[in-house]
Amino acid sequence: MINNQKSEFETLLDSTFSGNVKLQPGELVEAEIVAISDDCIFLQLDGKSEGQLDTAEMIDKEGNLTVKEGESIKAYFLSTKNGIKQFTTRISGDKADKTILENAYKSEIPIEGIVEKEIKGGYEIQIGESRAFCPYSQIGLQRIDNPEDYIGKHLTFKILEYSENGRNILVSNRIILKEEQQDKIEVLKKSLHEDTVVKGTVKSIQSFGAFIDIGGFQALLPISEISRSRVEDINNALTIGQEIEAMVLKLDWKNERISVSMKKLLTDPWDKVKSKYKIGSNYAGTIARITNFGAFVSLEPGLDGLIHISDFGSETRINHPKEVVKTGQSVRVEIKDMDIEKKRISLKFFTESQLDENLKQYMEPESDTYNPFANLLKGKK
């Protein structure tokens, strides 16, 4: 009986003080937004405990609120003021004195700063009245092509080292971005699978492909996956800020890599080759590219055939196909052979003499293509 009474008393005690959530300064928590005012965002913690966050932290550059009631956010515990727990997602740089900086370092709380200028090995960062150093390797997620592009930017940093009473401060922006990226990856893991069709925005263009923003994560669109046709200059196919639709090719969560394809969403012309093209028939085409062993002719987007140098039919010996044809030139070709399984088409030039010969055979009554109408016309002469 006594044990039962003790158990009931402990249960009552736990429920009574369930609102007393003990947190250490700098501790990261995830909490639900229960209300939003002009000045404060009210957070629901475990049990009956509540916290507050400055609304200004959740306002974007355009002045729009980026969160809403019912959503969950992650924030760092700062302190308890008048019995209310205070939280932040980052410390504003203009409010940071040396004491705040030291506490931010010890508690690993993000802090805002301005990239002031380039110095040897990296950047000088202004945080309040203090100066910090950020190495090139600790700013951004991608390789830096134009270091000067960061000058003047307001970024969020984590203090890696704080010593000599604030005279030596080492910071990293990359750590913040990696943490944010990891959160986005966890969200994407639930919705993305191979062959999923996604929409994204072109963020940057390289010679080998483009990086596409998908839900805050940058996926690679290889140049070979942009179109069924060969893309010679990627800048002619894509532009920064362009919205595209693509299919997920590969997900590598371990290495945090996603590759996508626009080509996969386009109809494969090889699906209709057998019914659309016949061996011995001639078709119009365009010289797509030239190699030392022949020329590739585009019959339609994504469908190329090869004219081997031995089938150029020139009376004089040629050393290179470019002596006879040039890229973009319109030509008429005849299909010599097709291997649909290997996706190969062998071509040769179709000449005017062949056209004349075909017409002659068509008009001759002794030919296999005997035309009684043509024979009747001959008899009227």
Protein backbone atom coordinates (compact mmCIF):
# COMPACT_ATOMS: atom_id res chain seq x y z
CA MET A 1 0.00 0.00 0.00
CA ILE A 2 2.84 2.37 0.98
CA ASN A 3 4.68 1.58 -2.26
CA ASN A 4 1.55 2.31 -4.28
CA GLN A 5 1.07 5.63 -2.45
CA LYS A 6 4.69 6.58 -3.15
CA SER A 7 4.27 5.74 -6.80
CA GLU A 8 1.16 7.89 -7.09
CA PHE A 9 2.90 10.75 -5.24
CA GLU A 10 5.90 10.59 -7.58
CA THR A 11 3.61 10.61 -10.61
CA LEU A 12 1.79 13.67 -9.27
CA LEU A 13 5.10 15.38 -8.51
CA ASP A 14 6.42 14.71 -12.01
CA SER A 15 3.30 16.13 -13.64
CA THR A 16 3.32 19.19 -11.39
CA PHE A 17 6.89 20.14 -12.28
CA SER A 18 6.86 18.86 -15.87
CA GLY A 19 7.18 22.46 -17.07
CA ASN A 20 10.61 22.85 -15.49
CA VAL A 21 12.71 21.82 -18.47
CA LYS A 22 16.37 22.13 -17.51
CA LEU A 23 18.52 23.49 -20.33
CA GLN A 24 22.16 24.50 -20.57
CA PRO A 25 23.13 27.75 -22.37
CA GLY A 26 23.85 26.94 -26.00
CA GLU A 27 21.77 23.75 -25.97
CA LEU A 28 19.95 23.17 -29.26
CA VAL A 29 16.27 22.25 -28.99
CA GLU A 30 13.43 21.66 -31.43
CA ALA A 31 10.17 23.32 -30.43
CA GLU A 32 6.74 24.05 -31.87
CA ILE A 33 5.67 27.62 -32.61
CA VAL A 34 2.44 28.25 -30.68
CA ALA A 35 2.02 31.99 -31.27
CA ILE A 36 3.64 34.88 -33.13
CA SER A 37 3.52 38.57 -32.23
CA ASP A 38 5.29 41.60 -33.69
CA ASP A 39 8.16 41.19 -31.23
CA CYS A 40 8.19 37.55 -30.08
CA ILE A 41 7.72 34.03 -31.30
CA PHE A 42 6.39 31.78 -28.53
CA LEU A 43 7.72 28.23 -28.41
CA GLN A 44 6.20 25.17 -26.76
CA LEU A 45 8.87 23.04 -25.10
CA ASP A 46 8.50 19.65 -23.42
CA GLY A 47 5.68 19.51 -20.88
CA LYS A 48 4.20 22.90 -20.01
CA SER A 49 7.35 24.96 -20.42
CA GLU A 50 7.44 27.80 -22.95
CA GLY A 51 10.15 29.90 -24.53
CA GLN A 52 10.53 33.06 -26.57
CA LEU A 53 12.43 33.93 -29.74
CA ASP A 54 12.91 37.36 -31.30
CA THR A 55 10.55 37.62 -34.31
CA ALA A 56 13.16 39.68 -36.20
CA GLU A 57 15.30 36.54 -36.54
CA MET A 58 12.62 34.96 -38.74
CA ILE A 59 12.21 37.89 -41.14
CA ASP A 60 13.84 37.55 -44.59
CA LYS A 61 15.49 40.30 -46.67
CA GLU A 62 12.14 41.23 -48.22
CA GLY A 63 10.56 41.69 -44.77
CA ASN A 64 8.50 38.50 -44.93
CA LEU A 65 7.99 36.16 -41.99
CA THR A 66 9.53 32.79 -42.85
CA VAL A 67 7.69 30.66 -40.27
CA LYS A 68 4.10 30.14 -39.13
CA GLU A 69 2.21 28.80 -36.13
CA GLY A 70 2.29 25.02 -35.83
CA GLU A 71 5.71 24.65 -37.42
CA SER A 72 8.70 23.28 -35.54
CA ILE A 73 12.03 25.11 -35.51
CA LYS A 74 15.45 24.55 -34.01
CA ALA A 75 16.85 27.19 -31.65
CA TYR A 76 19.63 27.67 -29.08
CA PHE A 77 18.85 28.32 -25.41
CA LEU A 78 20.39 31.58 -24.17
CA SER A 79 19.15 32.23 -20.63
CA THR A 80 16.08 32.61 -18.43
CA LYS A 81 14.75 36.13 -18.05
CA ASN A 82 11.83 36.92 -15.70
CA GLY A 83 11.04 33.23 -15.58
CA ILE A 84 10.85 32.90 -19.39
CA LYS A 85 13.41 30.94 -21.39
CA GLN A 86 15.06 32.98 -24.12
CA PHE A 87 16.13 31.36 -27.41
CA THR A 88 17.95 32.40 -30.57
CA THR A 89 18.76 30.90 -33.94
CA ARG A 90 21.80 33.18 -34.13
CA ILE A 91 23.32 36.18 -32.33
CA SER A 92 23.16 39.49 -34.17
CA GLY A 93 26.67 40.74 -34.85
CA ASP A 94 25.96 44.39 -34.05
CA LYS A 95 24.88 43.40 -30.52
CA ALA A 96 27.90 41.22 -29.80
CA ASP A 97 30.43 42.45 -27.28
CA LYS A 98 33.40 40.34 -26.12
CA THR A 99 31.39 38.68 -23.35
CA ILE A 100 28.68 37.61 -25.80
CA LEU A 101 31.33 36.38 -28.26
CA GLU A 102 33.03 34.28 -25.60
CA ASN A 103 29.68 32.80 -24.54
CA ALA A 104 28.81 32.11 -28.18
CA TYR A 105 32.13 30.30 -28.54
CA LYS A 106 31.63 28.19 -25.42
CA SER A 107 27.98 27.41 -26.24
CA GLU A 108 28.57 26.96 -30.01
CA ILE A 109 25.82 29.45 -30.85
CA PRO A 110 25.91 30.88 -34.42
CA ILE A 111 26.73 34.57 -34.73
CA GLU A 112 26.31 37.04 -37.58
CA GLY A 113 29.18 38.92 -39.18
CA ILE A 114 30.14 40.99 -42.22
CA VAL A 115 32.85 39.90 -44.66
CA GLU A 116 35.00 43.02 -44.49
CA LYS A 117 37.92 42.27 -46.83
CA GLU A 118 40.31 39.67 -48.17
CA ILE A 119 43.50 39.04 -46.23
CA LYS A 120 46.21 36.40 -46.56
CA GLY A 121 44.59 32.95 -46.58
CA GLY A 122 41.01 34.12 -46.18
CA TYR A 123 38.79 36.96 -45.01
CA GLU A 124 38.58 39.48 -42.22
CA ILE A 125 35.13 39.30 -40.59
CA GLN A 126 33.62 42.15 -38.59
CA ILE A 127 31.47 41.01 -35.64
CA GLY A 128 30.36 43.98 -33.56
CA GLU A 129 33.53 45.82 -32.56
CA SER A 130 35.68 42.70 -32.96
CA ARG A 131 37.58 41.29 -35.93
CA ALA A 132 37.70 37.59 -36.79
CA PHE A 133 39.44 35.48 -39.40
CA CYS A 134 37.68 33.05 -41.74
CA PRO A 135 39.91 30.87 -43.99
CA TYR A 136 38.93 30.41 -47.64
CA SER A 137 38.19 26.75 -46.87
CA GLN A 138 35.60 27.74 -44.24
CA ILE A 139 33.34 29.97 -46.33
CA GLY A 140 30.59 28.60 -48.58
CA LEU A 141 30.01 24.98 -49.56
CA GLN A 142 31.47 24.98 -53.07
CA ARG A 143 34.93 25.77 -54.37
CA ILE A 144 35.53 29.54 -54.52
CA ASP A 145 36.00 30.76 -58.11
CA ASN A 146 35.71 34.49 -57.35
CA PRO A 147 36.77 35.20 -53.73
CA GLU A 148 35.89 38.89 -54.07
CA ASP A 149 32.19 37.98 -54.48
CA TYR A 150 31.93 37.45 -50.70
CA ILE A 151 33.11 40.96 -49.78
CA GLY A 152 30.35 42.92 -48.05
CA LYS A 153 28.08 39.95 -47.43
CA HIS A 154 26.27 39.37 -44.12
CA LEU A 155 26.82 35.72 -43.17
CA THR A 156 26.36 33.49 -40.17
CA PHE A 157 29.42 31.94 -38.54
CA LYS A 158 30.34 29.56 -35.76
CA ILE A 159 33.31 30.54 -33.59
CA LEU A 160 35.97 27.81 -33.73
CA GLU A 161 38.57 29.55 -31.58
CA TYR A 162 38.40 32.43 -29.10
CA SER A 163 41.57 33.46 -27.27
CA GLU A 164 43.70 36.40 -26.09
CA ASN A 165 40.59 38.16 -24.77
CA GLY A 166 39.06 38.32 -28.24
CA ARG A 167 42.15 39.39 -30.15
CA ASN A 168 42.33 35.97 -31.82
CA ILE A 169 38.98 34.76 -33.20
CA LEU A 170 38.68 32.02 -35.81
CA VAL A 171 35.25 31.48 -37.42
CA SER A 172 33.59 29.18 -39.96
CA ASN A 173 30.62 29.79 -42.22
CA ARG A 174 30.95 26.36 -43.83
CA ILE A 175 30.02 24.53 -40.61
CA ILE A 176 26.74 26.47 -40.43
CA LEU A 177 25.92 25.67 -44.06
CA LYS A 178 26.77 21.99 -43.56
CA GLU A 179 24.41 21.79 -40.59
CA GLU A 180 21.65 23.47 -42.59
CA GLN A 181 22.31 21.17 -45.52
CA GLN A 182 22.09 18.13 -43.27
CA ASP A 183 18.66 19.25 -42.07
CA LYS A 184 17.52 19.65 -45.68
CA ILE A 185 18.91 16.23 -46.58
CA GLU A 186 16.88 14.62 -43.79
CA VAL A 187 13.75 16.19 -45.26
CA LEU A 188 14.65 15.16 -48.82
CA LYS A 189 15.35 11.58 -47.75
CA LYS A 190 11.67 11.18 -46.99
CA SER A 191 10.45 12.43 -50.38
CA LEU A 192 13.18 11.68 -52.94
CA HIS A 193 13.79 8.35 -54.63
CA GLU A 194 15.45 7.34 -57.88
CA ASP A 195 13.16 8.12 -60.85
CA THR A 196 11.32 10.79 -58.83
CA VAL A 197 10.44 13.81 -61.01
CA VAL A 198 11.48 17.08 -59.35
CA LYS A 199 11.42 20.79 -60.11
CA GLY A 200 14.46 22.94 -59.47
CA THR A 201 16.30 26.15 -60.27
CA VAL A 202 19.67 26.49 -62.04
CA LYS A 203 22.06 27.97 -59.44
CA SER A 204 25.42 27.71 -61.23
CA ILE A 205 26.78 26.50 -64.57
CA GLN A 206 30.06 24.68 -65.15
CA SER A 207 31.59 23.17 -68.29
CA PHE A 208 30.68 19.66 -67.08
CA GLY A 209 27.10 20.42 -66.02
CA ALA A 210 24.86 22.60 -63.86
CA PHE A 211 24.00 22.66 -60.16
CA ILE A 212 20.25 22.65 -59.57
CA ASP A 213 18.63 23.82 -56.33
CA ILE A 214 16.11 21.22 -55.15
CA GLY A 215 14.54 22.05 -51.81
CA GLY A 216 17.63 23.94 -50.67
CA PHE A 217 20.04 21.18 -51.77
CA GLN A 218 22.16 21.45 -54.91
CA ALA A 219 21.98 18.48 -57.27
CA LEU A 220 24.20 17.95 -60.31
CA LEU A 221 22.74 17.94 -63.82
CA PRO A 222 25.55 16.52 -66.05
CA ILE A 223 25.87 18.10 -69.48
CA SER A 224 25.19 14.69 -71.05
CA GLU A 225 21.80 14.56 -69.28
CA ILE A 226 20.43 17.89 -70.51
CA SER A 227 19.10 16.82 -73.91
CA ARG A 228 18.77 13.88 -76.28
CA SER A 229 20.91 15.92 -78.66
CA ARG A 230 24.59 16.50 -77.98
CA VAL A 231 25.13 19.77 -76.08
CA GLU A 232 28.32 21.48 -77.23
CA ASP A 233 27.96 24.68 -75.19
CA ILE A 234 26.01 24.35 -71.93
CA ASN A 235 25.47 28.12 -71.82
CA ASN A 236 23.31 27.83 -74.93
CA ALA A 237 21.10 25.27 -73.18
CA LEU A 238 20.71 26.67 -69.64
CA THR A 239 20.72 30.02 -67.85
CA ILE A 240 21.17 30.99 -64.18
CA GLY A 241 17.77 31.20 -62.47
CA GLN A 242 16.04 29.01 -65.05
CA GLU A 243 13.41 26.66 -63.63
CA ILE A 244 13.62 23.10 -64.92
CA GLU A 245 11.98 19.71 -64.44
CA ALA A 246 14.18 16.64 -64.14
CA MET A 247 14.25 13.03 -62.99
CA VAL A 248 16.43 11.82 -60.13
CA LEU A 249 19.16 9.57 -61.53
CA LYS A 250 21.15 8.68 -58.44
CA LEU A 251 20.99 9.33 -54.70
CA ASP A 252 24.21 9.08 -52.70
CA TRP A 253 23.26 10.20 -49.20
CA LYS A 254 26.58 9.04 -47.75
CA ASN A 255 28.53 11.49 -49.89
CA GLU A 256 25.64 13.98 -50.02
CA ARG A 257 25.31 13.86 -53.79
CA ILE A 258 22.25 13.83 -56.04
CA SER A 259 22.36 13.64 -59.84
CA VAL A 260 19.37 14.45 -62.06
CA SER A 261 18.47 14.21 -65.74
CA MET A 262 16.32 16.35 -68.02
CA LYS A 263 16.97 13.90 -70.85
CA LYS A 264 15.11 11.09 -69.07
CA LEU A 265 11.86 13.04 -69.37
CA LEU A 266 12.20 13.34 -73.16
CA THR A 267 10.93 10.68 -75.55
CA ASP A 268 13.71 8.40 -76.76
CA PRO A 269 13.71 8.56 -80.61
CA TRP A 270 15.18 5.05 -80.70
CA ASP A 271 11.80 3.71 -79.60
CA LYS A 272 10.39 4.51 -83.06
CA VAL A 273 13.46 3.94 -85.25
CA LYS A 274 12.32 0.54 -86.54
CA SER A 275 8.99 1.85 -87.83
CA LYS A 276 10.22 5.27 -88.95
CA TYR A 277 13.50 4.51 -90.75
CA LYS A 278 14.27 1.85 -93.40
CA ILE A 279 17.56 0.50 -94.72
CA GLY A 280 18.11 1.75 -98.27
CA SER A 281 15.90 4.82 -97.84
CA ASN A 282 17.28 8.35 -97.85
CA TYR A 283 16.65 11.16 -95.40
CA ALA A 284 17.65 14.77 -94.73
CA GLY A 285 20.09 15.39 -91.91
CA THR A 286 22.61 17.82 -90.42
CA ILE A 287 26.29 17.29 -89.71
CA ALA A 288 26.35 17.23 -85.89
CA ARG A 289 30.06 16.62 -85.27
CA ILE A 290 33.16 15.56 -87.15
CA THR A 291 35.85 13.09 -86.09
CA ASN A 292 38.98 11.83 -87.82
CA PHE A 293 37.14 8.59 -88.80
CA GLY A 294 33.93 10.12 -90.13
CA ALA A 295 31.01 12.47 -89.52
CA PHE A 296 27.94 12.07 -87.32
CA VAL A 297 24.69 13.16 -88.90
CA SER A 298 21.67 14.18 -86.83
CA LEU A 299 18.51 12.72 -88.34
CA GLU A 300 16.43 14.21 -85.51
CA PRO A 301 17.17 15.35 -81.92
CA GLY A 302 18.83 12.48 -80.09
CA LEU A 303 19.23 10.29 -83.18
CA ASP A 304 22.60 10.36 -84.93
CA GLY A 305 24.09 8.12 -87.59
CA LEU A 306 27.71 7.77 -88.72
CA ILE A 307 29.11 8.25 -92.20
CA HIS A 308 32.46 6.47 -92.10
CA ILE A 309 35.27 8.22 -93.96
CA SER A 310 35.40 5.24 -96.33
CA ASP A 311 31.81 6.04 -97.42
CA PHE A 312 32.43 9.65 -98.35
CA GLY A 313 32.62 8.55 -102.00
CA SER A 314 35.15 11.19 -102.99
CA GLU A 315 37.09 10.50 -106.20
CA THR A 316 40.21 11.89 -104.56
CA ARG A 317 41.66 10.60 -101.30
CA ILE A 318 40.78 12.73 -98.28
CA ASN A 319 42.83 12.89 -95.10
CA HIS A 320 40.06 14.20 -92.86
CA PRO A 321 36.25 14.46 -93.19
CA LYS A 322 36.43 18.22 -92.53
CA GLU A 323 37.90 18.58 -96.02
CA VAL A 324 34.47 17.64 -97.39
CA VAL A 325 31.86 18.64 -94.76
CA LYS A 326 31.45 21.11 -91.92
CA THR A 327 29.41 21.13 -88.72
CA GLY A 328 25.85 22.37 -89.24
CA GLN A 329 25.86 21.52 -92.97
CA SER A 330 22.61 20.07 -94.35
CA VAL A 331 23.09 16.75 -96.15
CA ARG A 332 21.02 13.93 -97.60
CA VAL A 333 22.00 10.44 -96.53
CA GLU A 334 21.03 6.85 -97.16
CA ILE A 335 20.78 4.29 -94.38
CA LYS A 336 23.23 1.42 -94.97
CA ASP A 337 22.58 -0.55 -91.81
CA MET A 338 20.98 -0.28 -88.36
CA ASP A 339 21.64 -1.99 -85.02
CA ILE A 340 18.76 -0.92 -82.79
CA GLU A 341 19.99 -2.92 -79.80
CA LYS A 342 23.37 -1.14 -79.84
CA LYS A 343 21.77 2.12 -81.00
CA ARG A 344 23.91 2.47 -84.09
CA ILE A 345 23.04 3.66 -87.61
CA SER A 346 25.47 3.41 -90.53
CA LEU A 347 25.00 6.00 -93.28
CA LYS A 348 26.38 7.04 -96.63
CA PHE A 349 25.86 10.14 -98.73
CA PHE A 350 22.90 10.10 -101.08
CA THR A 351 23.95 11.83 -104.31
CA GLU A 352 22.05 13.41 -107.18
CA SER A 353 23.31 10.66 -109.51
CA GLN A 354 21.61 8.09 -107.28
CA LEU A 355 18.40 10.10 -107.49
CA ASP A 356 18.64 10.17 -111.31
CA GLU A 357 19.32 6.42 -111.40
CA ASN A 358 16.33 5.72 -109.18
CA LEU A 359 14.12 7.83 -111.42
CA LYS A 360 15.42 6.05 -114.52
CA GLN A 361 14.66 2.63 -112.99
CA TYR A 362 11.21 3.85 -112.05
CA MET A 363 10.50 4.84 -115.66
CA GLU A 364 11.98 1.69 -117.27
CA PRO A 365 9.32 -1.03 -117.97
CA GLU A 366 11.90 -3.79 -117.61
CA SER A 367 12.84 -2.72 -114.11
CA ASP A 368 11.53 -4.28 -110.93
CA THR A 369 9.73 -1.04 -110.28
CA TYR A 370 7.75 -1.18 -113.54
CA ASN A 371 5.23 1.63 -113.76
CA PRO A 372 2.41 0.97 -116.25
CA PHE A 373 1.39 4.63 -116.12
CA ALA A 374 4.86 5.69 -117.26
CA ASN A 375 4.74 3.02 -120.01
CA LEU A 376 1.39 4.37 -121.20
CA LEU A 377 2.86 7.85 -121.46
CA LYS A 378 5.67 6.46 -123.60
CA GLY A 379 3.16 4.82 -125.95
CA LYS A 380 1.41 8.12 -126.65
CA LYS A 381 4.56 9.67 -128.11
